[in-house]
C-alpha cells in the first residue's frame, strides 16, 4: 500500500479581511509538511515584512494583463482595486506530485477554481460578528478608516457566498480554529472519493 500514490487536493480558504485567515493558514503550513502554499500573483504593493515569492509574486499591472492574455492563470480577479491570480502550472504540477495545495483567495477566485477543480475543498473562515471584525481591523493598524469601511462592506458581500463552501470555521479562539481546520483536512484525506485508486490494492 505504501507505493500507491494518491493525488493531492486543492484546499481553498477564504475569509473577510481581519478574520485571521493568514494566521490560521500559516499555523497549518508549519504543522503539515504535505501542504504547500499557493503563491498568488498580485499588482498590489508589498506590505511591511512581505517578500516577493513568499506571500505573493508582486508585478505591475501591465505584466499581469500580459499573463492573462497568455492564459497563465486558472483564475484571476480584481479585489480592493488590485489584481490577483493563481498559476495554472503550479496547481497541476503540485497536486500531481501528491501534495495538497492551500489557496488563500477571495470568494470570486474560489468559485472560479471550484468550477474547474470540482473536488476542491472549500473552507470559509470568519469571526462571530461584524463588530468584532471591525475591532480587529482597527487593532491591526494597517489600513485607514476609509479602507476599513470598504473592507467591512466587502465582508458583508463575501458572507453571501457561504452556501458555496463546504466548511465554516468561526475564528473566535485561534488554537481551536487551527485544530478545526486540521480536522477538516484530515477527514477529507480519508474520504472515499479521494481514495478510489487504492481500492484494488485493498481487495488484493
N, C-alpha and C. Protein backbone atom coordinates (compact mmCIF):
# COMPACT_ATOMS: atom_id res chain seq x y z
N UNK A 1 0.82 -1.21 0.00
CA UNK A 1 0.00 0.00 0.00
C UNK A 1 0.86 1.27 0.00
N UNK A 2 2.10 1.17 0.50
CA UNK A 2 2.94 2.35 0.59
C UNK A 2 3.27 2.93 -0.79
N UNK A 3 3.28 2.08 -1.82
CA UNK A 3 3.66 2.53 -3.16
C UNK A 3 2.49 3.14 -3.93
N UNK A 4 1.29 3.04 -3.38
CA UNK A 4 0.13 3.61 -4.05
C UNK A 4 0.05 5.10 -3.73
N UNK A 5 0.11 5.90 -4.77
CA UNK A 5 0.16 7.35 -4.59
C UNK A 5 -1.19 7.98 -4.88
N UNK A 6 -1.71 8.75 -3.94
CA UNK A 6 -2.95 9.46 -4.18
C UNK A 6 -2.64 10.88 -4.64
N UNK A 7 -3.53 11.40 -5.43
CA UNK A 7 -3.38 12.76 -5.95
C UNK A 7 -3.62 13.76 -4.83
N UNK A 8 -2.87 14.83 -4.83
CA UNK A 8 -3.07 15.87 -3.83
C UNK A 8 -4.39 16.58 -4.06
N UNK A 9 -4.86 17.28 -3.03
CA UNK A 9 -6.12 18.02 -3.18
C UNK A 9 -5.88 19.52 -3.08
N UNK A 10 -6.82 20.24 -3.63
CA UNK A 10 -6.78 21.69 -3.58
C UNK A 10 -7.65 22.15 -2.42
N UNK A 11 -7.06 22.93 -1.52
CA UNK A 11 -7.76 23.43 -0.34
C UNK A 11 -7.94 24.94 -0.50
N UNK A 12 -9.17 25.37 -0.68
CA UNK A 12 -9.47 26.79 -0.84
C UNK A 12 -9.89 27.37 0.50
N UNK A 13 -9.19 28.42 0.92
CA UNK A 13 -9.54 29.08 2.18
C UNK A 13 -9.84 30.55 1.89
N UNK A 14 -11.03 30.98 2.25
CA UNK A 14 -11.43 32.38 2.06
C UNK A 14 -11.89 32.96 3.39
N UNK A 15 -11.82 34.28 3.50
CA UNK A 15 -12.24 34.95 4.73
C UNK A 15 -12.27 36.45 4.50
N UNK A 16 -13.10 37.16 5.24
CA UNK A 16 -13.03 38.62 5.19
C UNK A 16 -11.70 39.10 5.75
N UNK A 17 -11.23 40.25 5.30
CA UNK A 17 -10.01 40.83 5.85
C UNK A 17 -10.17 41.02 7.36
N UNK A 18 -9.17 40.56 8.12
CA UNK A 18 -9.21 40.72 9.56
C UNK A 18 -9.75 39.53 10.32
N UNK A 19 -10.17 38.48 9.59
CA UNK A 19 -10.75 37.31 10.26
C UNK A 19 -9.69 36.33 10.76
N UNK A 20 -8.42 36.57 10.42
CA UNK A 20 -7.35 35.70 10.91
C UNK A 20 -6.98 34.57 9.98
N UNK A 21 -7.36 34.70 8.72
CA UNK A 21 -7.10 33.64 7.74
C UNK A 21 -5.61 33.35 7.59
N UNK A 22 -4.79 34.37 7.45
CA UNK A 22 -3.35 34.17 7.25
C UNK A 22 -2.71 33.48 8.45
N UNK A 23 -3.11 33.86 9.65
CA UNK A 23 -2.56 33.25 10.86
C UNK A 23 -2.90 31.77 10.93
N UNK A 24 -4.16 31.44 10.64
CA UNK A 24 -4.61 30.04 10.65
C UNK A 24 -3.87 29.23 9.59
N UNK A 25 -3.78 29.78 8.38
CA UNK A 25 -3.11 29.07 7.28
C UNK A 25 -1.62 28.86 7.57
N UNK A 26 -0.96 29.87 8.13
CA UNK A 26 0.47 29.75 8.45
C UNK A 26 0.71 28.66 9.49
N UNK A 27 -0.17 28.58 10.47
CA UNK A 27 -0.04 27.55 11.51
C UNK A 27 -0.23 26.16 10.89
N UNK A 28 -1.14 26.07 9.96
CA UNK A 28 -1.40 24.80 9.28
C UNK A 28 -0.19 24.37 8.45
N UNK A 29 0.39 25.31 7.73
CA UNK A 29 1.55 25.02 6.88
C UNK A 29 2.76 24.59 7.73
N UNK A 30 2.91 25.17 8.89
CA UNK A 30 4.03 24.82 9.77
C UNK A 30 3.89 23.41 10.34
N UNK A 31 2.65 22.98 10.55
CA UNK A 31 2.43 21.68 11.21
C UNK A 31 2.23 20.53 10.23
N UNK A 32 1.98 20.83 8.97
CA UNK A 32 1.68 19.77 7.98
C UNK A 32 2.57 19.94 6.76
N UNK A 33 3.59 19.11 6.65
CA UNK A 33 4.58 19.24 5.59
C UNK A 33 4.07 18.76 4.22
N UNK A 34 2.89 18.15 4.19
CA UNK A 34 2.35 17.71 2.90
C UNK A 34 1.53 18.82 2.23
N UNK A 35 1.37 19.93 2.92
CA UNK A 35 0.61 21.05 2.35
C UNK A 35 1.56 22.13 1.86
N UNK A 36 1.32 22.56 0.64
CA UNK A 36 2.13 23.60 0.01
C UNK A 36 1.26 24.84 -0.20
N UNK A 37 1.83 25.99 0.06
CA UNK A 37 1.08 27.24 -0.11
C UNK A 37 1.16 27.68 -1.56
N UNK A 38 0.01 28.01 -2.13
CA UNK A 38 -0.03 28.52 -3.49
C UNK A 38 0.23 30.03 -3.46
N UNK A 39 1.35 30.42 -4.01
CA UNK A 39 1.72 31.84 -4.02
C UNK A 39 1.05 32.52 -5.22
N UNK A 40 0.14 33.43 -4.93
CA UNK A 40 -0.59 34.13 -5.99
C UNK A 40 0.24 35.29 -6.54
N UNK A 41 -0.15 35.73 -7.71
CA UNK A 41 0.44 36.92 -8.31
C UNK A 41 -0.49 38.10 -8.07
N UNK A 42 0.06 39.24 -7.70
CA UNK A 42 -0.79 40.40 -7.44
C UNK A 42 -0.13 41.70 -7.91
N UNK A 43 -0.98 42.69 -8.16
CA UNK A 43 -0.48 44.01 -8.55
C UNK A 43 -0.43 44.98 -7.37
N UNK A 44 -0.86 44.53 -6.19
CA UNK A 44 -0.79 45.44 -5.04
C UNK A 44 0.64 45.52 -4.53
N UNK A 45 0.94 46.59 -3.81
CA UNK A 45 2.29 46.78 -3.28
C UNK A 45 2.51 45.90 -2.05
N UNK A 46 3.74 45.46 -1.84
CA UNK A 46 4.03 44.64 -0.64
C UNK A 46 3.80 45.43 0.64
N UNK A 47 3.26 44.74 1.67
CA UNK A 47 3.15 45.34 2.99
C UNK A 47 4.47 45.12 3.73
N UNK A 48 4.61 45.80 4.84
CA UNK A 48 5.83 45.65 5.65
C UNK A 48 6.03 44.19 6.02
N UNK A 49 7.23 43.69 5.75
CA UNK A 49 7.57 42.32 6.11
C UNK A 49 7.30 41.30 5.01
N UNK A 50 6.54 41.68 3.98
CA UNK A 50 6.25 40.75 2.89
C UNK A 50 7.41 40.69 1.89
N UNK A 51 7.64 39.50 1.35
CA UNK A 51 8.72 39.31 0.38
C UNK A 51 8.19 38.73 -0.92
N UNK A 52 8.75 39.20 -2.02
CA UNK A 52 8.34 38.69 -3.32
C UNK A 52 8.65 37.20 -3.43
N UNK A 53 7.64 36.42 -3.82
CA UNK A 53 7.81 34.98 -3.96
C UNK A 53 7.44 34.20 -2.73
N UNK A 54 7.23 34.89 -1.60
CA UNK A 54 6.82 34.21 -0.37
C UNK A 54 5.32 34.41 -0.13
N UNK A 55 4.91 35.63 0.17
CA UNK A 55 3.47 35.90 0.33
C UNK A 55 2.78 35.99 -1.03
N UNK A 56 3.41 36.71 -1.96
CA UNK A 56 2.88 36.90 -3.32
C UNK A 56 4.03 37.12 -4.28
N UNK A 57 3.71 36.97 -5.57
CA UNK A 57 4.59 37.47 -6.62
C UNK A 57 4.05 38.85 -6.98
N UNK A 58 4.84 39.88 -6.73
CA UNK A 58 4.39 41.25 -6.95
C UNK A 58 4.81 41.71 -8.34
N UNK A 59 3.83 42.09 -9.15
CA UNK A 59 4.10 42.55 -10.51
C UNK A 59 3.31 43.83 -10.78
N UNK A 60 3.67 44.52 -11.87
CA UNK A 60 2.88 45.69 -12.24
C UNK A 60 1.68 45.26 -13.06
N UNK A 61 0.77 46.18 -13.26
CA UNK A 61 -0.49 45.85 -13.94
C UNK A 61 -0.28 45.41 -15.38
N UNK A 62 0.70 46.00 -16.05
CA UNK A 62 0.98 45.63 -17.44
C UNK A 62 1.42 44.18 -17.56
N UNK A 63 2.30 43.76 -16.65
CA UNK A 63 2.77 42.37 -16.65
C UNK A 63 1.63 41.41 -16.36
N UNK A 64 0.78 41.77 -15.40
CA UNK A 64 -0.34 40.91 -15.03
C UNK A 64 -1.27 40.72 -16.22
N UNK A 65 -1.58 41.79 -16.92
CA UNK A 65 -2.50 41.70 -18.06
C UNK A 65 -1.92 40.88 -19.21
N UNK A 66 -0.60 40.91 -19.35
CA UNK A 66 0.05 40.06 -20.37
C UNK A 66 -0.11 38.58 -20.01
N UNK A 67 0.02 38.28 -18.70
CA UNK A 67 -0.16 36.90 -18.24
C UNK A 67 -1.61 36.43 -18.47
N UNK A 68 -2.57 37.34 -18.32
CA UNK A 68 -3.97 37.00 -18.61
C UNK A 68 -4.11 36.62 -20.08
N UNK A 69 -3.52 37.43 -20.96
CA UNK A 69 -3.58 37.18 -22.40
C UNK A 69 -2.93 35.85 -22.77
N UNK A 70 -1.89 35.48 -22.03
CA UNK A 70 -1.18 34.22 -22.30
C UNK A 70 -1.80 33.02 -21.58
N UNK A 71 -2.97 33.24 -20.95
CA UNK A 71 -3.72 32.17 -20.28
C UNK A 71 -2.89 31.46 -19.21
N UNK A 72 -2.21 32.25 -18.39
CA UNK A 72 -1.33 31.71 -17.36
C UNK A 72 -2.05 31.41 -16.05
N UNK A 73 -3.26 31.95 -15.89
CA UNK A 73 -3.97 31.83 -14.61
C UNK A 73 -5.16 30.88 -14.70
N UNK A 74 -5.35 30.10 -13.63
CA UNK A 74 -6.56 29.28 -13.53
C UNK A 74 -7.72 30.16 -13.09
N UNK A 75 -7.38 31.23 -12.40
CA UNK A 75 -8.38 32.24 -12.02
C UNK A 75 -7.66 33.55 -11.75
N UNK A 76 -8.38 34.63 -11.95
CA UNK A 76 -7.85 35.93 -11.57
C UNK A 76 -9.04 36.85 -11.26
N UNK A 77 -8.79 37.85 -10.45
CA UNK A 77 -9.88 38.75 -10.05
C UNK A 77 -9.31 40.10 -9.64
N UNK A 78 -10.18 41.09 -9.67
CA UNK A 78 -9.84 42.43 -9.18
C UNK A 78 -10.47 42.58 -7.80
N UNK A 79 -9.63 42.67 -6.78
CA UNK A 79 -10.11 42.73 -5.39
C UNK A 79 -9.54 43.98 -4.72
N UNK A 80 -10.42 44.80 -4.15
CA UNK A 80 -9.99 46.04 -3.49
C UNK A 80 -9.14 46.91 -4.42
N UNK A 81 -9.42 46.85 -5.72
CA UNK A 81 -8.71 47.70 -6.67
C UNK A 81 -7.40 47.14 -7.17
N UNK A 82 -7.08 45.89 -6.81
CA UNK A 82 -5.84 45.26 -7.27
C UNK A 82 -6.15 43.90 -7.89
N UNK A 83 -5.28 43.47 -8.81
CA UNK A 83 -5.45 42.17 -9.47
C UNK A 83 -4.74 41.07 -8.68
N UNK A 84 -5.38 39.89 -8.64
CA UNK A 84 -4.80 38.70 -8.02
C UNK A 84 -5.04 37.52 -8.96
N UNK A 85 -4.05 36.62 -9.09
CA UNK A 85 -4.23 35.47 -9.97
C UNK A 85 -3.51 34.24 -9.46
N UNK A 86 -4.00 33.06 -9.86
CA UNK A 86 -3.43 31.77 -9.44
C UNK A 86 -2.88 31.03 -10.65
N UNK A 87 -1.64 30.61 -10.56
CA UNK A 87 -0.94 29.95 -11.66
C UNK A 87 -1.51 28.56 -11.97
N UNK A 88 -1.83 28.32 -13.23
CA UNK A 88 -2.32 27.01 -13.68
C UNK A 88 -1.26 25.93 -13.48
N UNK A 89 -0.06 26.20 -13.95
CA UNK A 89 1.00 25.20 -13.93
C UNK A 89 1.36 24.79 -12.51
N UNK A 90 1.43 25.75 -11.61
CA UNK A 90 1.78 25.44 -10.22
C UNK A 90 0.78 24.48 -9.61
N UNK A 91 -0.51 24.73 -9.82
CA UNK A 91 -1.54 23.86 -9.23
C UNK A 91 -1.44 22.43 -9.75
N UNK A 92 -1.40 22.30 -11.07
CA UNK A 92 -1.40 20.95 -11.65
C UNK A 92 -0.13 20.18 -11.29
N UNK A 93 1.02 20.83 -11.35
CA UNK A 93 2.28 20.16 -11.02
C UNK A 93 2.30 19.68 -9.57
N UNK A 94 1.79 20.50 -8.67
CA UNK A 94 1.85 20.18 -7.24
C UNK A 94 0.93 19.03 -6.85
N UNK A 95 -0.33 19.08 -7.29
CA UNK A 95 -1.25 18.01 -6.90
C UNK A 95 -0.90 16.69 -7.58
N UNK A 96 -0.27 16.75 -8.76
CA UNK A 96 0.15 15.52 -9.42
C UNK A 96 1.32 14.85 -8.70
N UNK A 97 2.02 15.60 -7.86
CA UNK A 97 3.10 15.05 -7.04
C UNK A 97 2.57 14.47 -5.72
N UNK A 98 1.25 14.59 -5.51
CA UNK A 98 0.65 14.07 -4.29
C UNK A 98 0.62 15.07 -3.15
N UNK A 99 1.01 16.29 -3.42
CA UNK A 99 0.99 17.34 -2.40
C UNK A 99 -0.35 18.06 -2.42
N UNK A 100 -0.80 18.49 -1.25
CA UNK A 100 -2.00 19.31 -1.16
C UNK A 100 -1.61 20.77 -1.29
N UNK A 101 -2.45 21.54 -1.97
CA UNK A 101 -2.17 22.96 -2.17
C UNK A 101 -3.23 23.79 -1.45
N UNK A 102 -2.79 24.71 -0.60
CA UNK A 102 -3.73 25.59 0.07
C UNK A 102 -3.73 26.94 -0.64
N UNK A 103 -4.92 27.39 -1.01
CA UNK A 103 -5.07 28.66 -1.69
C UNK A 103 -5.78 29.65 -0.79
N UNK A 104 -5.11 30.75 -0.51
CA UNK A 104 -5.66 31.83 0.30
C UNK A 104 -6.22 32.86 -0.69
N UNK A 105 -7.51 32.70 -1.06
CA UNK A 105 -8.07 33.54 -2.10
C UNK A 105 -9.46 34.07 -1.73
N UNK A 106 -9.89 35.08 -2.46
CA UNK A 106 -11.19 35.69 -2.22
C UNK A 106 -12.31 34.82 -2.79
N UNK A 107 -13.54 35.18 -2.49
CA UNK A 107 -14.69 34.36 -2.90
C UNK A 107 -14.85 34.28 -4.41
N UNK A 108 -14.50 35.36 -5.12
CA UNK A 108 -14.62 35.33 -6.58
C UNK A 108 -13.70 34.27 -7.17
N UNK A 109 -12.44 34.28 -6.72
CA UNK A 109 -11.48 33.30 -7.22
C UNK A 109 -11.84 31.89 -6.80
N UNK A 110 -12.38 31.74 -5.59
CA UNK A 110 -12.76 30.42 -5.09
C UNK A 110 -13.81 29.77 -5.98
N UNK A 111 -14.81 30.52 -6.36
CA UNK A 111 -15.89 30.00 -7.20
C UNK A 111 -15.35 29.59 -8.57
N UNK A 112 -14.43 30.39 -9.12
CA UNK A 112 -13.85 30.07 -10.43
C UNK A 112 -13.06 28.78 -10.39
N UNK A 113 -12.26 28.60 -9.34
CA UNK A 113 -11.45 27.39 -9.21
C UNK A 113 -12.32 26.16 -9.00
N UNK A 114 -13.39 26.30 -8.22
CA UNK A 114 -14.30 25.18 -7.96
C UNK A 114 -14.94 24.68 -9.25
N UNK A 115 -15.17 25.56 -10.20
CA UNK A 115 -15.77 25.16 -11.47
C UNK A 115 -14.81 24.27 -12.27
N UNK A 116 -13.51 24.51 -12.10
CA UNK A 116 -12.50 23.73 -12.82
C UNK A 116 -12.11 22.48 -12.04
N UNK A 117 -11.87 22.65 -10.75
CA UNK A 117 -11.50 21.53 -9.87
C UNK A 117 -12.70 21.20 -9.00
N UNK A 118 -13.56 20.32 -9.49
CA UNK A 118 -14.84 20.03 -8.83
C UNK A 118 -14.67 19.47 -7.42
N UNK A 119 -13.56 18.78 -7.17
CA UNK A 119 -13.38 18.16 -5.85
C UNK A 119 -12.55 19.02 -4.90
N UNK A 120 -12.35 20.28 -5.24
CA UNK A 120 -11.61 21.18 -4.35
C UNK A 120 -12.36 21.33 -3.02
N UNK A 121 -11.61 21.36 -1.94
CA UNK A 121 -12.18 21.54 -0.60
C UNK A 121 -12.26 23.02 -0.31
N UNK A 122 -13.47 23.50 0.02
CA UNK A 122 -13.68 24.93 0.25
C UNK A 122 -13.99 25.22 1.72
N UNK A 123 -13.16 26.04 2.35
CA UNK A 123 -13.31 26.38 3.76
C UNK A 123 -13.42 27.90 3.90
N UNK A 124 -14.40 28.34 4.67
CA UNK A 124 -14.59 29.78 4.90
C UNK A 124 -14.32 30.07 6.37
N UNK A 125 -13.46 31.06 6.62
CA UNK A 125 -13.13 31.47 7.99
C UNK A 125 -13.72 32.86 8.25
N UNK A 126 -14.37 33.02 9.38
CA UNK A 126 -14.88 34.34 9.74
C UNK A 126 -14.89 34.49 11.26
N UNK A 127 -15.40 35.61 11.74
CA UNK A 127 -15.48 35.88 13.17
C UNK A 127 -16.95 35.90 13.58
N UNK A 128 -17.24 35.89 14.89
CA UNK A 128 -18.64 35.79 15.32
C UNK A 128 -19.57 36.88 14.81
N UNK A 129 -19.08 38.11 14.65
CA UNK A 129 -19.95 39.19 14.18
C UNK A 129 -19.13 40.33 13.60
N UNK A 130 -19.82 41.28 12.95
CA UNK A 130 -19.16 42.38 12.26
C UNK A 130 -18.48 43.35 13.23
N UNK A 131 -19.00 43.46 14.44
CA UNK A 131 -18.40 44.36 15.42
C UNK A 131 -16.98 43.89 15.76
N UNK A 132 -16.83 42.59 15.96
CA UNK A 132 -15.51 42.03 16.27
C UNK A 132 -14.57 42.21 15.08
N UNK A 133 -15.11 42.02 13.87
CA UNK A 133 -14.29 42.18 12.67
C UNK A 133 -13.76 43.62 12.57
N UNK A 134 -14.64 44.59 12.84
CA UNK A 134 -14.23 46.00 12.80
C UNK A 134 -13.14 46.27 13.84
N UNK A 135 -13.29 45.73 15.03
CA UNK A 135 -12.31 45.92 16.09
C UNK A 135 -10.95 45.34 15.70
N UNK A 136 -10.97 44.18 15.06
CA UNK A 136 -9.73 43.54 14.64
C UNK A 136 -9.03 44.36 13.55
N UNK A 137 -9.80 44.89 12.60
CA UNK A 137 -9.22 45.69 11.53
C UNK A 137 -8.58 46.97 12.07
N UNK A 138 -9.23 47.57 13.05
CA UNK A 138 -8.67 48.78 13.66
C UNK A 138 -7.42 48.45 14.47
N UNK A 139 -7.48 47.35 15.21
CA UNK A 139 -6.38 46.97 16.10
C UNK A 139 -5.11 46.63 15.33
N UNK A 140 -5.24 46.02 14.15
CA UNK A 140 -4.03 45.63 13.42
C UNK A 140 -3.31 46.83 12.81
N UNK A 141 -4.01 47.99 12.75
CA UNK A 141 -3.38 49.27 12.39
C UNK A 141 -2.65 49.22 11.04
N UNK A 142 -3.28 48.61 10.05
CA UNK A 142 -2.68 48.52 8.72
C UNK A 142 -3.39 49.40 7.69
N UNK A 143 -4.64 49.76 7.96
CA UNK A 143 -5.44 50.47 6.97
C UNK A 143 -6.05 51.74 7.55
N UNK A 144 -6.36 52.68 6.67
CA UNK A 144 -7.06 53.90 7.09
C UNK A 144 -8.52 53.56 7.40
N UNK A 145 -9.23 54.47 8.05
CA UNK A 145 -10.63 54.24 8.38
C UNK A 145 -11.49 54.06 7.12
N UNK A 146 -11.15 54.77 6.05
CA UNK A 146 -11.89 54.62 4.79
C UNK A 146 -11.70 53.22 4.22
N UNK A 147 -10.46 52.72 4.28
CA UNK A 147 -10.19 51.37 3.78
C UNK A 147 -10.89 50.34 4.65
N UNK A 148 -10.89 50.55 5.96
CA UNK A 148 -11.58 49.63 6.87
C UNK A 148 -13.07 49.58 6.55
N UNK A 149 -13.67 50.73 6.28
CA UNK A 149 -15.08 50.78 5.92
C UNK A 149 -15.34 49.97 4.65
N UNK A 150 -14.44 50.11 3.67
CA UNK A 150 -14.57 49.35 2.42
C UNK A 150 -14.47 47.85 2.69
N UNK A 151 -13.53 47.46 3.54
CA UNK A 151 -13.33 46.03 3.85
C UNK A 151 -14.56 45.46 4.58
N UNK A 152 -15.17 46.23 5.43
CA UNK A 152 -16.37 45.77 6.14
C UNK A 152 -17.54 45.62 5.17
N UNK A 153 -17.66 46.54 4.23
CA UNK A 153 -18.71 46.43 3.21
C UNK A 153 -18.49 45.20 2.34
N UNK A 154 -17.22 44.95 2.00
CA UNK A 154 -16.90 43.77 1.20
C UNK A 154 -17.16 42.48 1.97
N UNK A 155 -16.92 42.52 3.29
CA UNK A 155 -17.14 41.35 4.13
C UNK A 155 -18.61 40.92 4.08
N UNK A 156 -19.50 41.89 4.11
CA UNK A 156 -20.93 41.58 4.05
C UNK A 156 -21.29 40.90 2.73
N UNK A 157 -20.66 41.34 1.64
CA UNK A 157 -20.89 40.73 0.33
C UNK A 157 -20.30 39.32 0.28
N UNK A 158 -19.11 39.15 0.88
CA UNK A 158 -18.43 37.85 0.87
C UNK A 158 -19.22 36.80 1.64
N UNK A 159 -19.87 37.20 2.72
CA UNK A 159 -20.64 36.26 3.54
C UNK A 159 -21.80 35.65 2.76
N UNK A 160 -22.25 36.31 1.72
CA UNK A 160 -23.35 35.79 0.90
C UNK A 160 -22.92 34.55 0.10
N UNK A 161 -21.62 34.34 0.00
CA UNK A 161 -21.08 33.19 -0.74
C UNK A 161 -20.98 31.94 0.14
N UNK A 162 -21.29 32.06 1.42
CA UNK A 162 -21.13 30.93 2.34
C UNK A 162 -21.75 29.62 1.86
N UNK A 163 -22.95 29.63 1.27
CA UNK A 163 -23.56 28.36 0.83
C UNK A 163 -22.73 27.59 -0.20
N UNK A 164 -21.79 28.25 -0.85
CA UNK A 164 -20.96 27.59 -1.86
C UNK A 164 -19.79 26.84 -1.24
N UNK A 165 -19.55 27.06 0.06
CA UNK A 165 -18.40 26.45 0.74
C UNK A 165 -18.80 25.15 1.44
N UNK A 166 -17.80 24.31 1.72
CA UNK A 166 -18.04 23.02 2.36
C UNK A 166 -18.02 23.12 3.89
N UNK A 167 -17.14 23.96 4.41
CA UNK A 167 -16.99 24.06 5.87
C UNK A 167 -16.86 25.52 6.30
N UNK A 168 -17.36 25.81 7.51
CA UNK A 168 -17.28 27.13 8.10
C UNK A 168 -16.53 27.04 9.42
N UNK A 169 -15.51 27.89 9.58
CA UNK A 169 -14.76 27.95 10.83
C UNK A 169 -14.92 29.35 11.42
N UNK A 170 -15.49 29.41 12.63
CA UNK A 170 -15.64 30.68 13.34
C UNK A 170 -14.38 30.90 14.17
N UNK A 171 -13.60 31.87 13.79
CA UNK A 171 -12.31 32.09 14.45
C UNK A 171 -12.45 33.02 15.66
N UNK A 172 -13.03 32.48 16.72
CA UNK A 172 -13.12 33.24 17.97
C UNK A 172 -12.00 32.86 18.93
N UNK A 173 -11.50 31.62 18.81
CA UNK A 173 -10.34 31.16 19.57
C UNK A 173 -9.34 30.57 18.58
N UNK A 174 -8.17 31.18 18.47
CA UNK A 174 -7.21 30.81 17.43
C UNK A 174 -6.82 29.34 17.49
N UNK A 175 -6.43 28.84 18.67
CA UNK A 175 -5.98 27.44 18.78
C UNK A 175 -7.08 26.47 18.36
N UNK A 176 -8.30 26.77 18.75
CA UNK A 176 -9.44 25.94 18.38
C UNK A 176 -9.67 25.96 16.87
N UNK A 177 -9.53 27.12 16.27
CA UNK A 177 -9.73 27.26 14.82
C UNK A 177 -8.68 26.46 14.05
N UNK A 178 -7.45 26.50 14.53
CA UNK A 178 -6.37 25.74 13.88
C UNK A 178 -6.65 24.25 13.96
N UNK A 179 -7.07 23.78 15.13
CA UNK A 179 -7.39 22.36 15.28
C UNK A 179 -8.58 21.96 14.41
N UNK A 180 -9.55 22.85 14.28
CA UNK A 180 -10.73 22.55 13.46
C UNK A 180 -10.37 22.42 11.99
N UNK A 181 -9.51 23.30 11.49
CA UNK A 181 -9.15 23.21 10.07
C UNK A 181 -8.29 21.97 9.81
N UNK A 182 -7.47 21.59 10.79
CA UNK A 182 -6.70 20.35 10.66
C UNK A 182 -7.63 19.14 10.59
N UNK A 183 -8.65 19.14 11.43
CA UNK A 183 -9.61 18.03 11.45
C UNK A 183 -10.35 17.90 10.13
N UNK A 184 -10.75 19.03 9.58
CA UNK A 184 -11.46 19.04 8.29
C UNK A 184 -10.59 18.44 7.20
N UNK A 185 -9.35 18.87 7.13
CA UNK A 185 -8.44 18.39 6.08
C UNK A 185 -8.13 16.92 6.24
N UNK A 186 -7.87 16.48 7.47
CA UNK A 186 -7.59 15.06 7.70
C UNK A 186 -8.78 14.18 7.34
N UNK A 187 -9.99 14.65 7.66
CA UNK A 187 -11.20 13.89 7.31
C UNK A 187 -11.34 13.78 5.79
N UNK A 188 -11.06 14.86 5.08
CA UNK A 188 -11.15 14.84 3.62
C UNK A 188 -10.13 13.88 3.01
N UNK A 189 -8.95 13.81 3.60
CA UNK A 189 -7.93 12.90 3.09
C UNK A 189 -8.35 11.44 3.21
N UNK A 190 -9.20 11.16 4.19
CA UNK A 190 -9.66 9.78 4.40
C UNK A 190 -10.97 9.46 3.67
N UNK A 191 -11.51 10.44 2.99
CA UNK A 191 -12.81 10.23 2.33
C UNK A 191 -12.68 9.23 1.18
N UNK A 192 -13.75 8.50 0.93
CA UNK A 192 -13.78 7.51 -0.14
C UNK A 192 -13.49 8.13 -1.49
N UNK A 193 -14.09 9.29 -1.75
CA UNK A 193 -13.95 9.91 -3.08
C UNK A 193 -12.50 10.26 -3.40
N UNK A 194 -11.68 10.46 -2.38
CA UNK A 194 -10.28 10.83 -2.63
C UNK A 194 -9.33 9.63 -2.59
N UNK A 195 -9.87 8.44 -2.39
CA UNK A 195 -9.02 7.24 -2.27
C UNK A 195 -9.46 6.11 -3.19
N UNK A 196 -10.13 6.44 -4.25
CA UNK A 196 -10.64 5.41 -5.16
C UNK A 196 -9.53 4.59 -5.80
N UNK A 197 -8.37 5.21 -5.97
CA UNK A 197 -7.27 4.48 -6.65
C UNK A 197 -6.63 3.39 -5.80
N UNK A 198 -6.97 3.33 -4.51
CA UNK A 198 -6.38 2.27 -3.67
C UNK A 198 -7.33 1.08 -3.47
N UNK A 199 -8.52 1.16 -4.05
CA UNK A 199 -9.49 0.08 -3.87
C UNK A 199 -8.93 -1.27 -4.30
N UNK A 200 -8.26 -1.27 -5.46
CA UNK A 200 -7.72 -2.53 -5.99
C UNK A 200 -6.71 -3.14 -5.05
N UNK A 201 -5.87 -2.30 -4.47
CA UNK A 201 -4.85 -2.79 -3.54
C UNK A 201 -5.46 -3.39 -2.30
N UNK A 202 -6.55 -2.82 -1.83
CA UNK A 202 -7.21 -3.33 -0.63
C UNK A 202 -7.81 -4.71 -0.91
N UNK A 203 -8.44 -4.85 -2.06
CA UNK A 203 -9.09 -6.11 -2.41
C UNK A 203 -8.09 -7.24 -2.61
N UNK A 204 -6.87 -6.91 -3.04
CA UNK A 204 -5.85 -7.95 -3.22
C UNK A 204 -5.34 -8.45 -1.89
